[in-house]
Amino acid sequence: MLISVGAALLNLRVAMLADRRTAMLRVMPGAGEPDLVARVWPGPVTSVSETAHLLAQAIPRRHTNRRPFDATAVPAEVLADLCAAAAVEGARLVVAEPAMRDAVLGVVRTAEHMRRHDRDYLSELGEWTADRVDRRDGVPPEAFGPWSALEVIPLRDFGLLQPVRRRAAVEFEAEPTIALLYTTGDEAEQWVRAGQALERTLLTATVRGLASTLMTQPLELPRLRELFTISAENQVAQVILRFGYGPPSAPSPRRPLESFLLAGEAAKAHPGRPEDRPS
């Protein structure tokens, strides 16, 4: 959840920069407000860099892509851009070499199989994939993507509880580009940092014409997540990603802004410090 909040924070910061305002950020600002993740307020007027402009344009275009990617290798300079994007936000993106890639995919495959027998997981999956015309969240059937023949790419099976909408089996790329996003430490603040690094990386990938998929199944299971930890450096894996060149994918719905934005009297009940209030 906090990784998702961090991703939203990055989008907000980028949007403010594209609007010529420096984004002032304070993460975990007060011990007396345990549910408050961050405060963001407009800082000085600034010029719009080309990077901020491109990242802002990428926000509405960035979608998780669960379709097969083509066999074109991602150039080293593009991968370097992704690693640099994560580093800007204080995280580390590690692109897996072939042996590591196959090992990571093996663990993801194990986690996906384990999840299929977890009642709590299946219940949550059912909630998020229920096909209702009026819903403004979740994963719609058109965003499930096809199924990887022989599970070469062990994608999350969003059609598991909807047999009539199960994905057709197709051939995916044989040598996917897999990367792991690490933070130093594993507390709430690092999760928020990971989210910001993740979103900057994904937006950078979108700018560079790449599609991306999150493959986080093993990171939801503590004993499998530990397999990715680099203990000597206190490096903890927060996200597993797949990158490549693929066809456009369907977007997932988004809740309307007014469903979660405090305004008017509700906002006054949470004023924060004077210097923290948005203008």
Protein backbone atom coordinates (compact mmCIF):
# COMPACT_ATOMS: atom_id res chain seq x y z
CA MET A 1 0.00 0.00 0.00
CA LEU A 2 2.76 2.45 0.90
CA ILE A 3 4.61 1.67 -2.32
CA SER A 4 1.43 2.69 -4.16
CA VAL A 5 1.23 5.90 -2.14
CA GLY A 6 4.86 6.60 -3.01
CA ALA A 7 4.08 6.17 -6.71
CA ALA A 8 1.22 8.67 -6.40
CA LEU A 9 3.57 11.10 -4.64
CA LEU A 10 6.02 10.93 -7.52
CA ASN A 11 3.26 11.66 -10.02
CA LEU A 12 2.19 14.66 -7.94
CA ARG A 13 5.74 15.98 -7.74
CA VAL A 14 6.24 15.59 -11.49
CA ALA A 15 2.91 17.30 -12.26
CA MET A 16 3.85 20.23 -10.02
CA LEU A 17 7.25 20.57 -11.69
CA ALA A 18 5.58 20.53 -15.10
CA ASP A 19 3.42 23.37 -13.81
CA ARG A 20 6.55 25.34 -12.89
CA ARG A 21 6.31 24.79 -9.13
CA THR A 22 8.96 23.06 -7.06
CA ALA A 23 7.36 20.27 -5.04
CA MET A 24 8.24 20.44 -1.35
CA LEU A 25 7.95 17.01 0.29
CA ARG A 26 8.07 15.73 3.83
CA VAL A 27 7.68 11.95 4.28
CA MET A 28 6.35 10.59 7.59
CA PRO A 29 6.13 14.14 8.96
CA GLY A 30 4.78 13.58 12.45
CA ALA A 31 4.79 10.86 15.10
CA GLY A 32 1.40 12.10 16.30
CA GLU A 33 -0.23 11.30 12.94
CA PRO A 34 0.55 7.64 12.23
CA ASP A 35 -1.76 7.50 9.20
CA LEU A 36 -0.18 10.52 7.52
CA VAL A 37 2.34 9.31 4.95
CA ALA A 38 3.55 12.61 3.51
CA ARG A 39 2.91 16.29 3.07
CA VAL A 40 3.46 17.99 -0.28
CA TRP A 41 3.15 21.71 -0.87
CA PRO A 42 4.12 24.11 -3.66
CA GLY A 43 7.56 25.64 -3.37
CA PRO A 44 9.24 28.32 -5.47
CA VAL A 45 8.41 28.89 -9.12
CA THR A 46 10.92 27.11 -11.34
CA SER A 47 11.63 26.51 -15.01
CA VAL A 48 10.31 23.31 -16.58
CA SER A 49 13.07 20.89 -17.52
CA GLU A 50 12.73 18.62 -20.52
CA THR A 51 12.79 15.63 -18.16
CA ALA A 52 9.88 16.96 -16.09
CA HIS A 53 7.92 17.73 -19.25
CA LEU A 54 8.43 14.24 -20.69
CA LEU A 55 7.68 12.44 -17.41
CA ALA A 56 4.48 14.47 -16.92
CA GLN A 57 3.30 13.56 -20.40
CA ALA A 58 3.97 9.89 -19.63
CA ILE A 59 1.73 9.77 -16.52
CA PRO A 60 -1.58 9.10 -18.35
CA ARG A 61 0.16 6.78 -20.86
CA ARG A 62 1.79 4.47 -18.33
CA HIS A 63 -0.13 1.19 -18.04
CA THR A 64 0.85 -2.26 -16.81
CA ASN A 65 1.24 -4.42 -19.91
CA ARG A 66 0.55 -8.16 -19.51
CA ARG A 67 0.87 -8.98 -23.20
CA PRO A 68 3.78 -10.73 -24.96
CA PHE A 69 6.72 -8.49 -25.77
CA ASP A 70 8.73 -8.91 -28.94
CA ALA A 71 12.22 -10.37 -29.05
CA THR A 72 13.98 -7.01 -29.46
CA ALA A 73 16.57 -6.60 -26.72
CA VAL A 74 16.34 -3.49 -24.57
CA PRO A 75 19.47 -1.42 -25.35
CA ALA A 76 22.03 -1.00 -22.60
CA GLU A 77 21.68 2.79 -22.66
CA VAL A 78 17.93 2.51 -22.04
CA LEU A 79 18.50 0.15 -19.12
CA ALA A 80 21.04 2.64 -17.78
CA ASP A 81 18.35 5.34 -17.93
CA LEU A 82 16.02 3.16 -15.88
CA CYS A 83 18.71 2.51 -13.28
CA ALA A 84 19.49 6.23 -13.10
CA ALA A 85 15.78 7.03 -12.62
CA ALA A 86 15.59 4.71 -9.61
CA ALA A 87 18.82 6.13 -8.19
CA VAL A 88 17.45 9.70 -8.33
CA GLU A 89 14.81 8.59 -5.80
CA GLY A 90 17.30 6.83 -3.55
CA ALA A 91 16.66 3.26 -4.70
CA ARG A 92 18.67 0.75 -6.70
CA LEU A 93 17.46 -1.02 -9.85
CA VAL A 94 19.32 -4.25 -10.64
CA VAL A 95 18.88 -5.67 -14.15
CA ALA A 96 19.11 -9.45 -13.94
CA GLU A 97 21.69 -11.31 -15.97
CA PRO A 98 20.41 -14.52 -17.69
CA ALA A 99 21.15 -16.90 -14.81
CA MET A 100 19.67 -14.53 -12.24
CA ARG A 101 16.70 -13.86 -14.52
CA ASP A 102 15.85 -17.55 -14.77
CA ALA A 103 16.18 -17.94 -11.01
CA VAL A 104 13.91 -14.96 -10.36
CA LEU A 105 11.30 -16.28 -12.80
CA GLY A 106 11.45 -19.65 -11.05
CA VAL A 107 10.66 -18.06 -7.70
CA VAL A 108 7.85 -15.99 -9.23
CA ARG A 109 6.43 -19.16 -10.75
CA THR A 110 6.53 -20.91 -7.36
CA ALA A 111 4.77 -17.98 -5.70
CA GLU A 112 2.05 -17.87 -8.34
CA HIS A 113 1.35 -21.59 -7.84
CA MET A 114 1.24 -21.15 -4.05
CA ARG A 115 -1.19 -18.25 -4.33
CA ARG A 116 -3.68 -20.35 -6.27
CA HIS A 117 -4.29 -22.38 -3.10
CA ASP A 118 -4.57 -19.41 -0.72
CA ARG A 119 -8.21 -18.72 0.19
CA ASP A 120 -7.57 -15.16 1.35
CA TYR A 121 -5.73 -14.39 -1.85
CA LEU A 122 -8.49 -15.88 -3.98
CA SER A 123 -11.08 -13.83 -2.12
CA GLU A 124 -9.15 -10.61 -2.73
CA LEU A 125 -8.52 -11.56 -6.35
CA GLY A 126 -12.24 -12.07 -6.84
CA GLU A 127 -12.97 -8.59 -5.47
CA TRP A 128 -10.46 -6.91 -7.77
CA THR A 129 -11.43 -8.78 -10.95
CA ALA A 130 -15.23 -8.81 -10.66
CA ASP A 131 -16.56 -7.47 -13.95
CA ARG A 132 -19.05 -4.70 -13.12
CA VAL A 133 -19.98 -2.01 -15.59
CA ASP A 134 -20.12 0.74 -12.97
CA ARG A 135 -16.87 0.05 -11.12
CA ARG A 136 -14.07 2.62 -11.09
CA ASP A 137 -11.24 0.46 -9.79
CA GLY A 138 -9.89 -3.08 -10.07
CA VAL A 139 -8.56 -4.94 -13.11
CA PRO A 140 -11.04 -5.29 -15.99
CA PRO A 141 -11.01 -8.42 -18.20
CA GLU A 142 -9.52 -6.53 -21.14
CA ALA A 143 -6.44 -5.79 -19.00
CA PHE A 144 -5.85 -9.42 -17.94
CA GLY A 145 -3.71 -10.16 -20.97
CA PRO A 146 -3.21 -13.62 -22.51
CA TRP A 147 -1.63 -16.58 -20.76
CA SER A 148 2.04 -17.45 -21.22
CA ALA A 149 2.24 -20.85 -22.90
CA LEU A 150 4.17 -23.23 -20.60
CA GLU A 151 4.29 -20.32 -18.11
CA VAL A 152 7.60 -19.12 -19.50
CA ILE A 153 6.54 -15.73 -18.10
CA PRO A 154 4.66 -16.48 -14.83
CA LEU A 155 2.23 -13.58 -14.89
CA ARG A 156 -0.40 -13.21 -12.20
CA ASP A 157 -3.52 -15.09 -13.31
CA PHE A 158 -6.26 -12.47 -13.06
CA GLY A 159 -8.65 -14.83 -14.87
CA LEU A 160 -8.29 -17.54 -12.23
CA LEU A 161 -11.80 -17.08 -10.82
CA GLN A 162 -13.46 -16.28 -14.12
CA PRO A 163 -13.18 -19.45 -16.23
CA VAL A 164 -15.26 -18.01 -19.06
CA ARG A 165 -12.74 -15.19 -19.35
CA ARG A 166 -9.57 -17.21 -18.87
CA ARG A 167 -6.74 -15.97 -20.98
CA ALA A 168 -5.83 -17.68 -24.21
CA ALA A 169 -2.42 -19.38 -24.17
CA VAL A 170 0.10 -17.64 -26.42
CA GLU A 171 3.86 -17.60 -26.84
CA PHE A 172 5.73 -14.94 -24.86
CA GLU A 173 9.30 -13.76 -25.33
CA ALA A 174 11.87 -16.42 -24.46
CA GLU A 175 14.39 -14.04 -22.87
CA PRO A 176 12.52 -11.33 -20.96
CA THR A 177 14.27 -8.36 -19.38
CA ILE A 178 13.79 -8.66 -15.61
CA ALA A 179 14.86 -6.14 -13.00
CA LEU A 180 14.59 -5.86 -9.22
CA LEU A 181 14.11 -2.62 -7.32
CA TYR A 182 15.95 -2.46 -3.99
CA THR A 183 15.96 -0.08 -1.04
CA THR A 184 18.41 0.12 1.83
CA GLY A 185 16.27 -0.95 4.76
CA ASP A 186 12.70 -2.13 4.96
CA GLU A 187 10.64 0.30 7.03
CA ALA A 188 7.63 2.42 6.07
CA GLU A 189 9.80 5.29 4.85
CA GLN A 190 11.71 2.95 2.53
CA TRP A 191 8.43 1.62 1.11
CA VAL A 192 7.37 5.16 0.24
CA ARG A 193 10.82 5.77 -1.27
CA ALA A 194 10.46 2.55 -3.28
CA GLY A 195 7.13 3.73 -4.66
CA GLN A 196 8.59 7.01 -5.85
CA ALA A 197 11.56 5.22 -7.41
CA LEU A 198 9.25 2.68 -9.02
CA GLU A 199 7.05 5.33 -10.62
CA ARG A 200 9.98 7.39 -11.89
CA THR A 201 11.40 4.20 -13.39
CA LEU A 202 8.08 3.27 -15.02
CA LEU A 203 7.54 6.77 -16.40
CA THR A 204 11.09 6.77 -17.76
CA ALA A 205 10.38 3.42 -19.40
CA THR A 206 7.23 4.87 -20.96
CA VAL A 207 9.17 7.86 -22.29
CA ARG A 208 11.69 5.46 -23.84
CA GLY A 209 8.94 3.43 -25.53
CA LEU A 210 9.10 0.45 -23.19
CA ALA A 211 6.22 -1.60 -21.83
CA SER A 212 6.39 -2.87 -18.26
CA THR A 213 4.85 -5.50 -16.00
CA LEU A 214 4.96 -5.87 -12.23
CA MET A 215 5.67 -9.44 -11.06
CA THR A 216 5.53 -9.11 -7.29
CA GLN A 217 3.99 -12.44 -6.27
CA PRO A 218 7.03 -13.72 -4.29
CA LEU A 219 7.44 -10.40 -2.49
CA GLU A 220 4.04 -10.98 -0.88
CA LEU A 221 5.32 -14.17 0.77
CA PRO A 222 7.97 -13.54 3.47
CA ARG A 223 9.93 -16.76 3.05
CA LEU A 224 10.23 -16.26 -0.71
CA ARG A 225 10.94 -12.54 -0.39
CA GLU A 226 13.94 -13.34 1.80
CA LEU A 227 15.56 -15.11 -1.16
CA PHE A 228 16.11 -11.74 -2.84
CA THR A 229 17.55 -9.91 0.19
CA ILE A 230 21.22 -8.87 0.03
CA SER A 231 21.86 -9.12 3.76
CA ALA A 232 25.44 -7.86 3.77
CA GLU A 233 24.30 -4.54 2.24
CA ASN A 234 20.88 -4.37 3.94
CA GLN A 235 19.37 -4.29 0.45
CA VAL A 236 15.74 -5.42 0.35
CA ALA A 237 13.82 -6.18 -2.85
CA GLN A 238 10.61 -4.17 -3.09
CA VAL A 239 9.48 -4.74 -6.69
CA ILE A 240 10.15 -7.19 -9.53
CA LEU A 241 9.71 -5.76 -13.03
CA ARG A 242 9.59 -6.99 -16.60
CA PHE A 243 10.48 -4.61 -19.44
CA GLY A 244 10.28 -4.89 -23.20
CA TYR A 245 8.72 -3.66 -26.40
CA GLY A 246 5.11 -4.65 -26.82
CA PRO A 247 1.72 -3.63 -28.21
CA PRO A 248 -0.46 -1.09 -26.38
CA SER A 249 -2.36 -2.44 -23.38
CA ALA A 250 -5.75 -1.55 -21.98
CA PRO A 251 -5.73 0.86 -19.02
CA SER A 252 -7.27 -0.06 -15.68
CA PRO A 253 -10.03 2.22 -14.37
CA ARG A 254 -9.26 4.94 -11.86
CA ARG A 255 -11.45 6.23 -9.07
CA PRO A 256 -12.68 9.82 -9.53
CA LEU A 257 -10.58 12.45 -7.77
CA GLU A 258 -13.48 13.59 -5.61
CA SER A 259 -13.76 10.12 -4.05
CA PHE A 260 -10.52 10.57 -2.09
CA LEU A 261 -9.71 14.28 -2.11
CA LEU A 262 -10.55 16.21 1.06
CA ALA A 263 -11.96 19.62 0.29
CA GLY A 264 -13.73 22.45 2.07
CA GLU A 265 -14.62 21.72 5.69
CA ALA A 266 -13.07 18.23 5.55
CA ALA A 267 -9.74 19.71 4.52
CA LYS A 268 -9.90 22.26 7.32
CA ALA A 269 -10.13 19.40 9.82
CA HIS A 270 -6.63 18.33 8.69
CA PRO A 271 -4.83 21.66 8.27
CA GLY A 272 -1.27 20.60 9.07
CA ARG A 273 1.46 23.13 9.73
CA PRO A 274 0.98 26.55 8.11
CA GLU A 275 4.01 26.15 5.87
CA ASP A 276 2.74 22.74 4.76
CA ARG A 277 -0.64 23.88 3.50
CA PRO A 278 -1.10 23.82 -0.27
CA SER A 279 -1.94 27.10 -1.95
